[in-house]
Protein backbone atom coordinates (compact mmCIF):
# COMPACT_ATOMS: atom_id res chain seq x y z
CA SER A 1 97.57 91.78 116.38
CA VAL A 2 101.31 92.07 117.18
CA ALA A 3 102.04 91.02 113.57
CA GLY A 4 100.16 94.02 112.19
CA TRP A 5 97.01 92.18 111.07
CA GLY A 6 94.67 93.60 113.74
CA ASP A 7 92.01 91.30 115.11
CA VAL A 8 92.23 88.73 112.29
CA PRO A 9 91.93 85.21 113.75
CA LEU A 10 95.18 83.24 113.62
CA GLU A 11 93.77 80.63 111.25
CA ARG A 12 92.97 83.37 108.69
CA ALA A 13 96.19 85.41 109.07
CA PRO A 14 98.88 84.98 106.38
CA LEU A 15 101.52 83.85 108.87
CA GLN A 16 102.51 80.87 110.97
CA ALA A 17 102.29 81.10 114.74
CA THR A 18 101.81 79.01 117.83
CA THR A 19 99.70 80.19 120.76
CA VAL A 20 100.04 78.62 124.20
CA ASP A 21 97.56 79.72 126.89
CA ALA A 22 97.99 79.74 130.68
CA GLU A 23 95.94 76.59 131.22
CA ARG A 24 98.06 74.56 128.81
CA MET A 25 101.30 75.94 130.31
CA ARG A 26 100.12 74.97 133.80
CA ASP A 27 98.95 71.49 132.72
CA GLU A 28 102.29 70.75 131.06
CA GLY A 29 104.40 72.20 133.91
CA ALA A 30 105.92 75.04 131.86
CA ARG A 31 107.51 77.61 134.16
CA ARG A 32 109.89 79.45 131.81
CA LEU A 33 110.21 80.26 128.11
CA ALA A 34 112.49 77.29 127.37
CA ASP A 35 109.63 75.00 128.42
CA LEU A 36 107.54 76.27 125.48
CA VAL A 37 109.48 74.07 123.05
CA ARG A 38 107.20 71.18 124.07
CA PHE A 39 104.30 72.79 122.22
CA ASP A 40 105.84 73.39 118.80
CA PRO A 41 108.18 71.10 116.82
CA ALA A 42 109.64 74.12 114.98
CA ALA A 43 110.90 75.63 118.27
CA ALA A 44 113.94 74.54 120.24
CA SER A 45 115.94 75.82 123.16
CA ALA A 46 119.22 77.35 122.08
CA TYR A 47 120.67 77.38 125.60
CA ASP A 48 118.77 75.42 128.23
CA THR A 49 120.58 75.96 131.51
CA GLU A 50 118.27 75.84 134.51
CA GLY A 51 117.97 79.24 136.18
CA TYR A 52 119.58 81.20 133.33
CA ILE A 53 118.30 83.32 130.45
CA ASP A 54 116.21 81.38 127.91
CA TYR A 55 117.21 81.47 124.25
CA LEU A 56 114.62 80.11 121.84
CA THR A 57 115.23 79.11 118.26
CA VAL A 58 112.57 78.74 115.60
CA ARG A 59 113.42 76.71 112.50
CA GLY A 60 117.09 76.85 113.47
CA PHE A 61 117.32 80.64 113.88
CA VAL A 62 117.81 82.16 117.33
CA ILE A 63 115.13 84.63 118.39
CA ASP A 64 117.07 87.74 119.41
CA ASN A 65 116.49 88.49 123.11
CA ARG A 66 117.11 92.22 122.57
CA PHE A 67 114.64 92.91 119.75
CA ASN A 68 112.33 89.97 119.10
CA TYR A 69 110.32 89.77 122.32
CA ARG A 70 107.18 91.74 123.12
CA ARG A 71 105.03 92.07 126.21
CA ASP A 72 101.44 92.89 125.29
CA GLY A 73 102.73 94.01 121.89
CA LEU A 74 105.38 96.39 123.27
CA PRO A 75 109.13 95.68 122.85
CA ILE A 76 110.98 94.30 125.89
CA ASN A 77 114.52 93.14 126.56
CA ALA A 78 114.31 89.41 127.27
CA GLU A 79 117.88 89.03 128.48
CA THR A 80 116.54 87.78 131.79
CA SER A 81 114.70 84.76 133.07
CA ILE A 82 111.00 85.25 132.27
CA PRO A 83 108.64 83.34 134.57
CA LEU A 84 105.26 82.19 133.22
CA GLU A 85 103.15 82.38 136.40
CA ASN A 86 101.69 85.77 135.46
CA LYS A 87 101.35 85.14 131.71
CA ALA A 88 97.92 84.60 130.13
CA ARG A 89 99.32 83.54 126.76
CA VAL A 90 102.52 83.31 124.75
CA ASP A 91 102.42 83.74 120.97
CA VAL A 92 105.37 82.61 118.84
CA LEU A 93 105.36 84.07 115.31
CA LYS A 94 107.53 81.90 113.10
CA GLY A 95 110.02 82.94 110.47
CA LEU A 96 109.77 86.10 108.46
CA SER A 97 106.22 86.71 109.69
CA GLY A 98 107.85 88.12 112.81
CA MET A 99 109.26 90.97 110.72
CA GLN A 100 105.74 92.37 110.35
CA ALA A 101 106.18 93.81 113.86
CA GLY A 102 109.30 95.84 112.97
CA THR A 103 112.88 95.01 113.88
CA SER A 104 113.19 91.26 113.73
CA ALA A 105 115.34 88.36 112.61
CA PRO A 106 114.56 85.24 110.55
CA GLY A 107 113.71 83.21 113.66
CA GLY A 108 110.51 85.07 114.40
CA LEU A 109 109.03 86.94 117.33
CA VAL A 110 107.62 86.09 120.76
CA ASP A 111 104.72 88.08 122.26
CA ILE A 112 104.01 87.54 125.96
CA VAL A 113 100.51 88.51 127.14
CA VAL A 114 100.24 89.33 130.86
CA LYS A 115 97.29 88.19 132.99
CA ARG A 116 94.75 90.93 133.77
CA PRO A 117 91.88 91.06 136.30
CA LEU A 118 88.97 88.80 135.34
CA ASP A 119 85.26 89.63 135.45
CA ALA A 120 84.57 86.75 137.86
CA PRO A 121 86.53 86.18 141.10
CA LEU A 122 89.37 83.66 140.87
CA ARG A 123 91.22 81.76 143.59
CA SER A 124 93.76 79.23 142.35
CA ALA A 125 96.75 77.53 143.97
CA PHE A 126 99.28 75.13 142.48
CA VAL A 127 101.95 72.95 144.12
CA GLU A 128 104.43 70.77 142.25
CA TRP A 129 107.24 68.44 143.24
CA ARG A 130 109.68 67.16 140.64
CA GLU A 131 113.10 65.63 140.61
CA ARG A 132 114.65 64.79 143.91
CA GLY A 133 114.11 68.10 145.70
CA SER A 134 112.70 70.70 143.34
CA VAL A 135 109.45 72.13 144.69
CA ALA A 136 107.28 74.89 143.19
CA ALA A 137 104.14 76.66 144.43
CA SER A 138 102.06 79.48 142.97
CA VAL A 139 98.80 81.36 143.54
CA ASP A 140 96.56 83.27 141.15
CA LEU A 141 93.97 85.63 142.68
CA SER A 142 91.60 87.97 140.85
CA GLU A 143 88.87 90.19 142.30
CA HIS A 144 86.78 93.25 141.45
CA PHE A 145 85.65 95.63 144.18
CA GLY A 146 84.11 99.04 144.67
CA VAL A 147 80.59 100.14 143.74
CA GLY A 148 79.64 98.03 140.72
CA GLY A 149 83.07 96.37 140.67
CA VAL A 150 84.82 99.28 138.98
CA PHE A 151 88.26 98.40 140.36
CA GLY A 152 89.95 95.11 139.60
CA VAL A 153 93.14 93.53 140.84
CA ARG A 154 94.97 90.32 139.98
CA LEU A 155 97.84 88.92 142.02
CA ASN A 156 100.15 86.19 140.78
CA ALA A 157 102.90 84.91 143.04
CA GLY A 158 105.16 81.92 142.83
CA ALA A 159 108.24 80.43 144.43
CA GLU A 160 110.42 77.50 143.53
CA HIS A 161 113.35 75.70 145.10
CA LEU A 162 115.54 74.21 142.38
CA ASP A 163 117.58 71.10 143.10
CA PRO A 164 118.02 69.48 139.67
CA GLN A 165 120.28 66.55 138.92
CA VAL A 166 122.69 68.90 137.14
CA ARG A 167 125.71 69.51 139.36
CA ASN A 168 125.97 72.97 140.99
CA ALA A 169 122.60 74.14 139.65
CA ARG A 170 120.75 74.53 142.95
CA GLY A 171 118.89 77.73 143.54
CA ASN A 172 115.65 79.54 144.23
CA ARG A 173 113.25 81.42 142.04
CA SER A 174 110.38 83.71 142.95
CA VAL A 175 107.93 86.00 141.19
CA ILE A 176 105.25 88.40 142.32
CA ALA A 177 103.08 90.35 139.88
CA LEU A 178 100.15 92.67 140.48
CA ALA A 179 97.86 93.95 137.73
CA GLY A 180 94.97 96.35 138.19
CA ASP A 181 92.24 98.00 136.17
CA TRP A 182 89.64 100.73 136.59
CA ARG A 183 86.38 100.65 134.69
CA ALA A 184 85.54 104.34 134.73
CA SER A 185 82.45 103.84 132.53
CA GLN A 186 80.81 101.17 130.36
CA SER A 187 83.14 101.98 127.44
CA THR A 188 86.31 102.91 129.34
CA LEU A 189 88.89 100.56 130.86
């Protein structure tokens, strides 16, 4: 819908895009936007320094971090490191199809969809060790409470100690995100 085509399924929309969901990101060990290049041969990382801002390119054109990123369809400034622990899905619109959303460049557009409370309770934990001393851990908790479950909350938290083989690139990373909803009636969220 970020491209202006409403609820048209991706396979029927007149554009090219790649969608990566949270399960696939977790299974492949993607923790930041630069890791998304594994899922699409048209995408590459324009500047892939661990712990720094991610710059994606699509078909050789850099996706502008100031104008070409959206969060739940709303414009954001992506001149920061964007963790993926609290993201439900990332959509990459390729080429000129990204211009459908407004200000854009030939590279395309990235829409980041944030995780929201689920109907069923969720308790999930993840621990990963990679390279000589890099360790990451995250939790994903979702619950509804109140009479009839009218209030929902979802907590995503993660921490990582970075010790890559690249010289002088040690560091730490952490994220905590809380999302809530209120179901005031059957037709209101």
